[in-house]
C-alpha atoms as a PDB file:
ATOM      1  CA  MET A   1      41.231 -38.793 -45.080  1.00  0.00           C
ATOM      2  CA  GLY A   2      41.341 -35.050 -46.406  1.00  0.00           C
ATOM      3  CA  LYS A   3      43.493 -33.413 -48.934  1.00  0.00           C
ATOM      4  CA  GLY A   4      46.635 -32.414 -47.724  1.00  0.00           C
ATOM      5  CA  ARG A   5      47.464 -28.972 -48.105  1.00  0.00           C
ATOM      6  CA  SER A   6      50.526 -26.413 -47.198  1.00  0.00           C
ATOM      7  CA  LEU A   7      50.150 -23.471 -45.682  1.00  0.00           C
ATOM      8  CA  GLU A   8      52.807 -20.452 -45.608  1.00  0.00           C
ATOM      9  CA  LEU A   9      53.350 -18.577 -42.473  1.00  0.00           C
ATOM     10  CA  TYR A  10      55.254 -15.792 -42.237  1.00  0.00           C
ATOM     11  CA  PHE A  11      56.520 -14.016 -39.037  1.00  0.00           C
ATOM     12  CA  ILE A  12      56.946 -10.182 -40.002  1.00  0.00           C
ATOM     13  CA  ASP A  13      60.062  -9.844 -37.382  1.00  0.00           C
ATOM     14  CA  GLY A  14      60.564 -13.271 -36.566  1.00  0.00           C
ATOM     15  CA  LYS A  15      59.261 -13.223 -33.330  1.00  0.00           C
ATOM     16  CA  PRO A  16      56.214 -15.618 -32.867  1.00  0.00           C
ATOM     17  CA  ASP A  17      54.031 -14.222 -30.869  1.00  0.00           C
ATOM     18  CA  SER A  18      54.157 -10.586 -32.598  1.00  0.00           C
ATOM     19  CA  MET A  19      53.051  -9.979 -36.568  1.00  0.00           C
ATOM     20  CA  LEU A  20      52.591 -12.843 -38.686  1.00  0.00           C
ATOM     21  CA  THR A  21      51.159 -13.092 -42.164  1.00  0.00           C
ATOM     22  CA  SER A  22      49.311 -16.550 -43.614  1.00  0.00           C
ATOM     23  CA  GLU A  23      48.559 -17.954 -47.130  1.00  0.00           C
ATOM     24  CA  VAL A  24      47.985 -20.652 -49.013  1.00  0.00           C
ATOM     25  CA  PRO A  25      49.946 -21.446 -52.089  1.00  0.00           C
ATOM     26  CA  ASN A  26      48.159 -20.804 -55.055  1.00  0.00           C
ATOM     27  CA  ARG A  27      45.782 -18.953 -53.003  1.00  0.00           C
ATOM     28  CA  THR A  28      44.377 -15.351 -53.018  1.00  0.00           C
ATOM     29  CA  GLY A  29      43.441 -15.225 -49.202  1.00  0.00           C
ATOM     30  CA  HIS A  30      45.418 -13.328 -47.031  1.00  0.00           C
ATOM     31  CA  VAL A  31      45.314 -13.140 -43.042  1.00  0.00           C
ATOM     32  CA  LEU A  32      47.352 -11.116 -41.028  1.00  0.00           C
ATOM     33  CA  LYS A  33      47.207 -11.073 -37.473  1.00  0.00           C
ATOM     34  CA  ILE A  34      47.936  -8.380 -35.028  1.00  0.00           C
ATOM     35  CA  PRO A  35      49.106  -8.022 -31.560  1.00  0.00           C
ATOM     36  CA  ARG A  36      47.481  -4.718 -30.154  1.00  0.00           C
ATOM     37  CA  THR A  37      50.522  -3.694 -29.084  1.00  0.00           C
ATOM     38  CA  ARG A  38      51.553  -3.519 -32.604  1.00  0.00           C
ATOM     39  CA  ILE A  39      49.087  -2.075 -34.432  1.00  0.00           C
ATOM     40  CA  ALA A  40      50.191   0.867 -35.629  1.00  0.00           C
ATOM     41  CA  GLU A  41      52.901  -0.634 -37.028  1.00  0.00           C
ATOM     42  CA  ALA A  42      50.335  -2.757 -38.738  1.00  0.00           C
ATOM     43  CA  LEU A  43      48.081  -0.117 -39.968  1.00  0.00           C
ATOM     44  CA  ARG A  44      50.990   1.316 -42.259  1.00  0.00           C
ATOM     45  CA  ARG A  45      50.872  -1.892 -44.019  1.00  0.00           C
ATOM     46  CA  ASP A  46      49.162  -1.947 -47.214  1.00  0.00           C
ATOM     47  CA  GLU A  47      47.053  -4.512 -46.615  1.00  0.00           C
ATOM     48  CA  SER A  48      45.661  -2.285 -44.277  1.00  0.00           C
ATOM     49  CA  GLU A  49      44.212  -0.015 -46.657  1.00  0.00           C
ATOM     50  CA  TYR A  50      42.063  -3.338 -48.426  1.00  0.00           C
ATOM     51  CA  THR A  51      38.823  -4.174 -48.281  1.00  0.00           C
ATOM     52  CA  GLY A  52      38.315  -7.840 -46.171  1.00  0.00           C
ATOM     53  CA  VAL A  53      36.801  -9.043 -42.601  1.00  0.00           C
ATOM     54  CA  TYR A  54      38.302  -8.586 -39.282  1.00  0.00           C
ATOM     55  CA  ILE A  55      37.924 -10.390 -36.015  1.00  0.00           C
ATOM     56  CA  LEU A  56      39.174  -9.053 -32.728  1.00  0.00           C
ATOM     57  CA  LEU A  57      39.953 -10.909 -29.936  1.00  0.00           C
ATOM     58  CA  GLY A  58      40.375 -10.147 -26.014  1.00  0.00           C
ATOM     59  CA  ASP A  59      38.876 -11.120 -22.700  1.00  0.00           C
ATOM     60  CA  ALA A  60      35.767  -9.003 -20.927  1.00  0.00           C
ATOM     61  CA  GLU A  61      35.383  -9.386 -17.119  1.00  0.00           C
ATOM     62  CA  GLY A  62      37.562 -12.455 -17.291  1.00  0.00           C
ATOM     63  CA  GLN A  63      35.845 -14.279 -20.124  1.00  0.00           C
ATOM     64  CA  PRO A  64      37.205 -14.668 -23.910  1.00  0.00           C
ATOM     65  CA  GLN A  65      35.085 -12.783 -26.385  1.00  0.00           C
ATOM     66  CA  ALA A  66      35.496 -11.390 -29.827  1.00  0.00           C
ATOM     67  CA  TYR A  67      33.700  -9.122 -32.322  1.00  0.00           C
ATOM     68  CA  ILE A  68      33.644  -9.908 -36.092  1.00  0.00           C
ATOM     69  CA  GLY A  69      33.132  -7.351 -39.068  1.00  0.00           C
ATOM     70  CA  GLU A  70      33.945  -5.738 -42.207  1.00  0.00           C
ATOM     71  CA  ALA A  71      35.237  -2.816 -43.890  1.00  0.00           C
ATOM     72  CA  GLU A  72      35.966  -1.139 -47.265  1.00  0.00           C
ATOM     73  CA  GLU A  73      39.042  -0.115 -45.706  1.00  0.00           C
ATOM     74  CA  LEU A  74      40.532  -1.865 -42.907  1.00  0.00           C
ATOM     75  CA  LYS A  75      42.506   0.586 -41.460  1.00  0.00           C
ATOM     76  CA  SER A  76      40.137   3.420 -40.240  1.00  0.00           C
ATOM     77  CA  ARG A  77      37.676   0.780 -38.762  1.00  0.00           C
ATOM     78  CA  ILE A  78      40.358  -0.849 -36.723  1.00  0.00           C
ATOM     79  CA  ARG A  79      41.641   2.651 -35.540  1.00  0.00           C
ATOM     80  CA  GLY A  80      37.904   3.426 -34.680  1.00  0.00           C
ATOM     81  CA  HIS A  81      38.110  -0.003 -32.810  1.00  0.00           C
ATOM     82  CA  VAL A  82      41.279   1.232 -31.061  1.00  0.00           C
ATOM     83  CA  ALA A  83      39.526   4.323 -29.682  1.00  0.00           C
ATOM     84  CA  LYS A  84      36.198   2.743 -28.831  1.00  0.00           C
ATOM     85  CA  LYS A  85      36.603  -0.532 -27.813  1.00  0.00           C
ATOM     86  CA  ASP A  86      39.695  -1.283 -24.861  1.00  0.00           C
ATOM     87  CA  TRP A  87      38.853  -5.526 -24.308  1.00  0.00           C
ATOM     88  CA  TRP A  88      40.435  -6.910 -27.466  1.00  0.00           C
ATOM     89  CA  GLU A  89      43.720  -7.798 -27.217  1.00  0.00           C
ATOM     90  CA  THR A  90      44.827  -9.553 -30.908  1.00  0.00           C
ATOM     91  CA  ALA A  91      43.094  -8.196 -34.312  1.00  0.00           C
ATOM     92  CA  VAL A  92      43.228 -10.928 -37.151  1.00  0.00           C
ATOM     93  CA  LEU A  93      42.527  -8.878 -41.089  1.00  0.00           C
ATOM     94  CA  ILE A  94      41.270 -11.169 -43.583  1.00  0.00           C
ATOM     95  CA  THR A  95      41.916  -9.929 -47.021  1.00  0.00           C
ATOM     96  CA  SER A  96      42.633 -11.034 -50.756  1.00  0.00           C
ATOM     97  CA  ALA A  97      46.578 -10.279 -51.996  1.00  0.00           C
ATOM     98  CA  ALA A  98      45.201  -8.580 -55.141  1.00  0.00           C
ATOM     99  CA  ASN A  99      42.722  -6.647 -52.904  1.00  0.00           C
ATOM    100  CA  ASN A 100      39.887  -8.179 -55.374  1.00  0.00           C
ATOM    101  CA  LEU A 101      37.083  -8.615 -52.672  1.00  0.00           C
ATOM    102  CA  HIS A 102      34.396  -6.001 -53.007  1.00  0.00           C
ATOM    103  CA  LYS A 103      31.931  -4.838 -50.445  1.00  0.00           C
ATOM    104  CA  ALA A 104      29.055  -7.708 -51.244  1.00  0.00           C
ATOM    105  CA  HIS A 105      31.787 -10.051 -50.930  1.00  0.00           C
ATOM    106  CA  VAL A 106      32.978  -8.795 -46.790  1.00  0.00           C
ATOM    107  CA  LYS A 107      29.330  -8.881 -46.115  1.00  0.00           C
ATOM    108  CA  TYR A 108      28.622 -12.443 -46.965  1.00  0.00           C
ATOM    109  CA  LEU A 109      31.909 -13.447 -45.046  1.00  0.00           C
ATOM    110  CA  GLU A 110      31.405 -11.207 -42.251  1.00  0.00           C
ATOM    111  CA  SER A 111      27.518 -13.147 -41.894  1.00  0.00           C
ATOM    112  CA  ARG A 112      28.774 -16.268 -42.703  1.00  0.00           C
ATOM    113  CA  LEU A 113      31.823 -16.203 -39.741  1.00  0.00           C
ATOM    114  CA  VAL A 114      29.142 -14.595 -37.273  1.00  0.00           C
ATOM    115  CA  GLU A 115      26.987 -18.017 -38.284  1.00  0.00           C
ATOM    116  CA  LEU A 116      30.161 -20.491 -37.410  1.00  0.00           C
ATOM    117  CA  ALA A 117      31.521 -18.808 -34.543  1.00  0.00           C
ATOM    118  CA  LEU A 118      27.590 -18.841 -33.405  1.00  0.00           C
ATOM    119  CA  GLU A 119      27.401 -22.785 -33.806  1.00  0.00           C
ATOM    120  CA  ALA A 120      30.719 -23.441 -32.574  1.00  0.00           C
ATOM    121  CA  LYS A 121      29.950 -22.289 -29.309  1.00  0.00           C
ATOM    122  CA  ARG A 122      33.620 -21.837 -28.451  1.00  0.00           C
ATOM    123  CA  MET A 123      33.767 -17.978 -27.439  1.00  0.00           C
ATOM    124  CA  PRO A 124      30.797 -15.235 -26.892  1.00  0.00           C
ATOM    125  CA  LEU A 125      30.244 -12.652 -30.005  1.00  0.00           C
ATOM    126  CA  GLU A 126      30.334  -9.025 -28.965  1.00  0.00           C
ATOM    127  CA  ASN A 127      28.200  -9.003 -32.348  1.00  0.00           C
ATOM    128  CA  GLY A 128      25.083 -11.135 -30.826  1.00  0.00           C
ATOM    129  CA  ASN A 129      22.813 -12.484 -34.101  1.00  0.00           C
ATOM    130  CA  ALA A 130      24.503 -12.807 -37.081  1.00  0.00           C
ATOM    131  CA  PRO A 131      23.985 -10.007 -39.722  1.00  0.00           C
ATOM    132  CA  THR A 132      22.184 -10.431 -43.336  1.00  0.00           C
ATOM    133  CA  ARG A 133      23.823 -11.757 -46.425  1.00  0.00           C
ATOM    134  CA  SER A 134      24.939  -9.619 -48.465  1.00  0.00           C
ATOM    135  CA  SER A 135      23.252 -10.906 -52.357  1.00  0.00           C
ATOM    136  CA  LEU A 136      25.644 -12.179 -54.460  1.00  0.00           C
ATOM    137  CA  SER A 137      25.397 -14.270 -57.379  1.00  0.00           C
ATOM    138  CA  GLU A 138      25.726 -18.335 -57.400  1.00  0.00           C
ATOM    139  CA  ALA A 139      29.336 -18.162 -58.413  1.00  0.00           C
ATOM    140  CA  GLY A 140      30.201 -15.279 -56.153  1.00  0.00           C
ATOM    141  CA  VAL A 141      28.294 -17.504 -53.261  1.00  0.00           C
ATOM    142  CA  ALA A 142      30.456 -20.269 -54.346  1.00  0.00           C
ATOM    143  CA  ASN A 143      34.075 -18.618 -54.086  1.00  0.00           C
ATOM    144  CA  MET A 144      33.384 -17.020 -51.038  1.00  0.00           C
ATOM    145  CA  GLU A 145      32.538 -20.799 -49.540  1.00  0.00           C
ATOM    146  CA  GLY A 146      35.573 -21.962 -51.048  1.00  0.00           C
ATOM    147  CA  PHE A 147      37.470 -18.726 -49.743  1.00  0.00           C
ATOM    148  CA  LEU A 148      35.945 -19.832 -46.104  1.00  0.00           C
ATOM    149  CA  GLU A 149      36.771 -23.817 -46.990  1.00  0.00           C
ATOM    150  CA  VAL A 150      40.282 -22.607 -46.819  1.00  0.00           C
ATOM    151  CA  LEU A 151      39.838 -19.540 -43.914  1.00  0.00           C
ATOM    152  CA  MET A 152      38.951 -22.653 -41.907  1.00  0.00           C
ATOM    153  CA  MET A 153      42.146 -24.286 -42.486  1.00  0.00           C
ATOM    154  CA  VAL A 154      44.081 -21.086 -41.746  1.00  0.00           C
ATOM    155  CA  LEU A 155      42.570 -19.347 -38.551  1.00  0.00           C
ATOM    156  CA  PRO A 156      42.866 -22.715 -36.107  1.00  0.00           C
ATOM    157  CA  ALA A 157      46.771 -22.737 -37.447  1.00  0.00           C
ATOM    158  CA  ILE A 158      47.231 -19.450 -36.210  1.00  0.00           C
ATOM    159  CA  GLN A 159      45.950 -20.565 -32.815  1.00  0.00           C
ATOM    160  CA  VAL A 160      42.041 -18.910 -33.925  1.00  0.00           C
ATOM    161  CA  ASP A 161      39.938 -21.760 -32.510  1.00  0.00           C
ATOM    162  CA  MET A 162      36.910 -19.740 -32.458  1.00  0.00           C
ATOM    163  CA  PHE A 163      35.129 -21.192 -35.325  1.00  0.00           C
ATOM    164  CA  VAL A 164      36.189 -25.037 -34.625  1.00  0.00           C
ATOM    165  CA  SER A 165      33.325 -27.063 -33.429  1.00  0.00           C
ATOM    166  CA  LYS A 166      33.518 -29.305 -30.320  1.00  0.00           C
ATOM    167  CA  VAL A 167      30.504 -30.340 -30.505  1.00  0.00           C
ATOM    168  CA  GLN A 168      29.677 -33.573 -32.609  1.00  0.00           C
ATOM    169  CA  ARG A 169      26.751 -35.110 -33.902  1.00  0.00           C
ATOM    170  CA  PRO A 170      25.160 -37.589 -32.021  1.00  0.00           C
ATOM    171  CA  LYS A 171      26.248 -41.132 -33.391  1.00  0.00           C
ATOM    172  CA  VAL A 172      24.552 -44.634 -33.410  1.00  0.00           C
ATOM    173  CA  VAL A 173      26.549 -47.495 -31.905  1.00  0.00           C
ATOM    174  CA  ALA A 174      25.818 -50.772 -30.663  1.00  0.00           C
ATOM    175  CA  ASN A 175      25.427 -52.018 -27.567  1.00  0.00           C
ATOM    176  CA  ASP A 176      28.009 -54.444 -28.112  1.00  0.00           C
ATOM    177  CA  PHE A 177      31.416 -52.094 -28.221  1.00  0.00           C
ATOM    178  CA  SER A 178      33.372 -54.912 -29.043  1.00  0.00           C
ATOM    179  CA  ASP A 179      32.940 -54.918 -32.048  1.00  0.00           C
ATOM    180  CA  LEU A 180      33.575 -51.106 -32.782  1.00  0.00           C
ATOM    181  CA  LYS A 181      37.401 -50.036 -34.122  1.00  0.00           C
ATOM    182  CA  THR A 182      36.039 -46.938 -31.825  1.00  0.00           C
ATOM    183  CA  PRO A 183      37.466 -47.559 -28.384  1.00  0.00           C
ATOM    184  CA  VAL A 184      34.807 -46.487 -25.669  1.00  0.00           C
ATOM    185  CA  PHE A 185      35.953 -44.924 -21.957  1.00  0.00           C
ATOM    186  CA  GLU A 186      33.681 -44.906 -19.097  1.00  0.00           C
ATOM    187  CA  LEU A 187      34.606 -42.312 -15.902  1.00  0.00           C
ATOM    188  CA  ARG A 188      32.668 -43.595 -12.564  1.00  0.00           C
ATOM    189  CA  ILE A 189      32.553 -41.177  -9.775  1.00  0.00           C
ATOM    190  CA  LYS A 190      30.952 -43.886  -7.135  1.00  0.00           C
ATOM    191  CA  LYS A 191      29.866 -41.279  -4.112  1.00  0.00           C
ATOM    192  CA  ASP A 192      27.942 -39.202  -6.434  1.00  0.00           C
ATOM    193  CA  ASN A 193      26.757 -42.187  -8.658  1.00  0.00           C
ATOM    194  CA  LEU A 194      27.869 -40.285 -11.858  1.00  0.00           C
ATOM    195  CA  LEU A 195      28.307 -41.922 -15.091  1.00  0.00           C
ATOM    196  CA  ALA A 196      30.307 -40.445 -18.065  1.00  0.00           C
ATOM    197  CA  THR A 197      30.702 -42.082 -21.744  1.00  0.00           C
ATOM    198  CA  ALA A 198      33.175 -41.028 -24.102  1.00  0.00           C
ATOM    199  CA  GLU A 199      34.918 -42.346 -27.216  1.00  0.00           C
ATOM    200  CA  MET A 200      38.263 -41.555 -29.436  1.00  0.00           C
ATOM    201  CA  ARG A 201      37.592 -40.111 -32.234  1.00  0.00           C
ATOM    202  CA  ASP A 202      40.406 -38.572 -34.466  1.00  0.00           C
ATOM    203  CA  GLY A 203      43.035 -38.051 -31.595  1.00  0.00           C
ATOM    204  CA  GLU A 204      39.894 -36.299 -29.138  1.00  0.00           C
ATOM    205  CA  MET A 205      38.208 -37.933 -26.509  1.00  0.00           C
ATOM    206  CA  VAL A 206      34.279 -37.513 -27.362  1.00  0.00           C
ATOM    207  CA  VAL A 207      32.434 -37.303 -24.292  1.00  0.00           C
ATOM    208  CA  LEU A 208      28.624 -38.377 -25.345  1.00  0.00           C
ATOM    209  CA  ALA A 209      25.301 -36.693 -24.668  1.00  0.00           C
ATOM    210  CA  GLY A 210      23.795 -38.000 -21.545  1.00  0.00           C
ATOM    211  CA  SER A 211      26.439 -38.799 -19.883  1.00  0.00           C
ATOM    212  CA  LYS A 212      26.714 -37.046 -16.304  1.00  0.00           C
ATOM    213  CA  ALA A 213      29.207 -34.737 -14.329  1.00  0.00           C
ATOM    214  CA  ARG A 214      29.821 -32.942 -11.069  1.00  0.00           C
ATOM    215  CA  CYS A 215      27.466 -29.979 -10.632  1.00  0.00           C
ATOM    216  CA  GLU A 216      29.745 -27.469  -9.189  1.00  0.00           C
ATOM    217  CA  TRP A 217      33.790 -27.174  -9.260  1.00  0.00           C
ATOM    218  CA  VAL A 218      34.866 -29.052  -6.155  1.00  0.00           C
ATOM    219  CA  GLY A 219      38.618 -28.638  -6.404  1.00  0.00           C
ATOM    220  CA  LYS A 220      41.003 -26.182  -5.208  1.00  0.00           C
ATOM    221  CA  THR A 221      39.942 -22.455  -5.587  1.00  0.00           C
ATOM    222  CA  ALA A 222      43.745 -21.570  -6.329  1.00  0.00           C
ATOM    223  CA  TRP A 223      43.518 -23.986  -9.289  1.00  0.00           C
ATOM    224  CA  ASN A 224      42.321 -21.652 -11.757  1.00  0.00           C
ATOM    225  CA  THR A 225      43.095 -23.288 -15.140  1.00  0.00           C
ATOM    226  CA  ASN A 226      41.858 -23.360 -18.499  1.00  0.00           C
ATOM    227  CA  TYR A 227      39.656 -26.390 -17.559  1.00  0.00           C
ATOM    228  CA  GLN A 228      37.877 -24.779 -15.144  1.00  0.00           C
ATOM    229  CA  LYS A 229      37.435 -22.008 -17.373  1.00  0.00           C
ATOM    230  CA  LEU A 230      36.435 -24.284 -20.411  1.00  0.00           C
ATOM    231  CA  ARG A 231      33.650 -26.161 -17.643  1.00  0.00           C
ATOM    232  CA  MET A 232      31.918 -22.452 -17.114  1.00  0.00           C
ATOM    233  CA  SER A 233      32.272 -21.982 -20.985  1.00  0.00           C
ATOM    234  CA  LEU A 234      30.548 -25.049 -21.671  1.00  0.00           C
ATOM    235  CA  ILE A 235      27.949 -24.066 -18.755  1.00  0.00           C
ATOM    236  CA  GLU A 236      27.716 -20.470 -20.634  1.00  0.00           C
ATOM    237  CA  THR A 237      26.618 -22.592 -23.796  1.00  0.00           C
ATOM    238  CA  ASN A 238      24.285 -24.899 -22.863  1.00  0.00           C
ATOM    239  CA  ILE A 239      26.368 -27.928 -23.640  1.00  0.00           C
ATOM    240  CA  LEU A 240      26.615 -28.752 -20.058  1.00  0.00           C
ATOM    241  CA  ASP A 241      23.326 -28.375 -17.978  1.00  0.00           C
ATOM    242  CA  ALA A 242      24.108 -28.042 -14.772  1.00  0.00           C
ATOM    243  CA  GLN A 243      20.738 -26.653 -13.306  1.00  0.00           C
ATOM    244  CA  SER A 244      20.056 -29.738 -10.965  1.00  0.00           C
ATOM    245  CA  SER A 245      22.021 -31.738  -8.749  1.00  0.00           C
ATOM    246  CA  LYS A 246      24.117 -33.669 -11.267  1.00  0.00           C
ATOM    247  CA  ALA A 247      25.173 -31.952 -14.435  1.00  0.00           C
ATOM    248  CA  VAL A 248      24.425 -33.388 -18.157  1.00  0.00           C
ATOM    249  CA  PHE A 249      26.358 -32.833 -20.972  1.00  0.00           C
ATOM    250  CA  MET A 250      23.538 -32.317 -23.911  1.00  0.00           C
ATOM    251  CA  GLU A 251      25.270 -33.029 -26.472  1.00  0.00           C
ATOM    252  CA  ASN A 252      28.161 -34.795 -27.784  1.00  0.00           C
ATOM    253  CA  TYR A 253      31.480 -32.670 -27.429  1.00  0.00           C
ATOM    254  CA  ALA A 254      35.073 -33.173 -28.161  1.00  0.00           C
ATOM    255  CA  PHE A 255      38.278 -32.745 -26.004  1.00  0.00           C
ATOM    256  CA  ASN A 256      41.858 -32.010 -26.455  1.00  0.00           C
ATOM    257  CA  SER A 257      42.886 -34.456 -24.129  1.00  0.00           C
ATOM    258  CA  PRO A 258      40.883 -37.309 -21.677  1.00  0.00           C
ATOM    259  CA  SER A 259      42.784 -34.852 -18.741  1.00  0.00           C
ATOM    260  CA  ALA A 260      40.259 -31.843 -20.003  1.00  0.00           C
ATOM    261  CA  ALA A 261      37.351 -34.171 -19.986  1.00  0.00           C
ATOM    262  CA  ALA A 262      38.049 -35.594 -16.894  1.00  0.00           C
ATOM    263  CA  ALA A 263      38.764 -31.870 -14.840  1.00  0.00           C
ATOM    264  CA  VAL A 264      35.639 -30.791 -16.477  1.00  0.00           C
ATOM    265  CA  ILE A 265      33.761 -33.799 -15.240  1.00  0.00           C
ATOM    266  CA  THR A 266      34.846 -34.965 -11.630  1.00  0.00           C
ATOM    267  CA  GLY A 267      34.949 -30.708 -11.309  1.00  0.00           C
ATOM    268  CA  ARG A 268      38.914 -30.662  -9.712  1.00  0.00           C
ATOM    269  CA  ALA A 269      42.342 -31.593 -11.495  1.00  0.00           C
ATOM    270  CA  ALA A 270      42.430 -34.796 -12.791  1.00  0.00           C
ATOM    271  CA  ASN A 271      44.731 -37.313 -14.652  1.00  0.00           C
ATOM    272  CA  GLY A 272      42.719 -38.699 -17.359  1.00  0.00           C
ATOM    273  CA  ARG A 273      44.669 -41.290 -18.318  1.00  0.00           C
ATOM    274  CA  THR A 274      44.158 -43.484 -14.998  1.00  0.00           C
ATOM    275  CA  GLU A 275      40.531 -41.799 -14.719  1.00  0.00           C
ATOM    276  CA  TRP A 276      39.277 -43.205 -17.855  1.00  0.00           C
ATOM    277  CA  LYS A 277      38.027 -46.840 -18.166  1.00  0.00           C
ATOM    278  CA  LEU A 278      37.869 -49.163 -21.405  1.00  0.00           C
ATOM    279  CA  LYS A 279      34.356 -49.984 -21.270  1.00  0.00           C
ATOM    280  CA  GLY A 280      33.457 -52.748 -19.394  1.00  0.00           C
ATOM    281  CA  THR A 281      36.928 -53.474 -18.145  1.00  0.00           C
ATOM    282  CA  SER A 282      39.604 -51.813 -15.093  1.00  0.00           C
ATOM    283  CA  LYS A 283      41.769 -51.112 -17.990  1.00  0.00           C
ATOM    284  CA  THR A 284      42.804 -47.468 -17.726  1.00  0.00           C
ATOM    285  CA  TYR A 285      43.192 -45.394 -20.871  1.00  0.00           C
ATOM    286  CA  ALA A 286      47.163 -45.476 -20.346  1.00  0.00           C
ATOM    287  CA  ASP A 287      46.772 -48.877 -20.710  1.00  0.00           C
ATOM    288  CA  TRP A 288      44.905 -48.774 -23.849  1.00  0.00           C
ATOM    289  CA  GLU A 289      47.457 -46.451 -25.241  1.00  0.00           C
ATOM    290  CA  ALA A 290      50.330 -48.384 -24.362  1.00  0.00           C
ATOM    291  CA  GLU A 291      48.621 -51.851 -25.756  1.00  0.00           C
ATOM    292  CA  GLN A 292      48.424 -49.778 -29.068  1.00  0.00           C
ATOM    293  CA  LEU A 293      52.204 -48.651 -28.799  1.00  0.00           C
ATOM    294  CA  GLU A 294      52.711 -52.415 -28.131  1.00  0.00           C
ATOM    295  CA  LYS A 295      50.486 -53.215 -31.419  1.00  0.00           C
ATOM    296  CA  ASP A 296      51.916 -50.873 -33.792  1.00  0.00           C
ATOM    297  CA  ASN A 297      55.884 -52.291 -32.486  1.00  0.00           C
ATOM    298  CA  GLU A 298      55.070 -55.809 -33.457  1.00  0.00           C
ATOM    299  CA  HIS A 299      54.442 -54.224 -36.870  1.00  0.00           C
ATOM    300  CA  GLY A 300      58.142 -54.063 -37.107  1.00  0.00           C
ATOM    301  CA  PRO A 301      60.134 -50.815 -38.034  1.00  0.00           C
ATOM    302  CA  ASN A 302      58.806 -48.936 -41.415  1.00  0.00           C
ATOM    303  CA  LEU A 303      61.254 -49.637 -44.452  1.00  0.00           C
ATOM    304  CA  ARG A 304      61.887 -46.988 -47.229  1.00  0.00           C
ATOM    305  CA  PHE A 305      63.596 -47.679 -50.355  1.00  0.00           C
END
């Protein structure tokens, strides 16, 4: 079980979709998330003149894209990107509250953030390859890795999840799944002779490497949802190999919901709660979920004194 932490979010003008700052109490890092429409106002803030790293987020040719950079003065660098890059819609400025990051710190952070984004395979980077890390002392590296550890908690909390990898390492499992605490589900498309297998891990549906999916999207073309875009992204990053008549998952991949996994596999709108069946049974995911709730209910109410 991970150690709990608190996070302080401040919505600068009281609107959740406008500028916000984020800090972890008793930590020096500071994050400012800015819609491009508020960039002039944001660059009047003190932290825009600090040394730091930044992330630009947006869409290029209908696909999500990001850019990661560093600067000794963020304000002038962001102004340059306003003039030269028209695809981004959100900027994230990462500094320290005391402005005590220097050039070597932010060069190191920039390199590591690009590495983490490329490993996560969540969003294409305009950067391309990761820049060379700066030379820091052993203590300096430890400090920056600690800074990154906290940052990896903060960014997903403000809906910047490009560093959160959904690719999971293969897990060795026994042939008899009944002895495992981790439930295993199957999704079959009989007419296409396709079978996908998944495990529920930490609240996510992890489709296992080797699972088969439809090679093409067969649903309504008007149904252009995030699931369809997600499927395209998995193919582009080679997590889902669709070169042959059957698409194959090359790595374990964690989906936020059973329906997201089912839609990617079937290539259409899908109700994952009924499409997935507990391995070796006709029990749907919805049936299994109801059983878990019933088991919890049997334990009786929680009493506090």
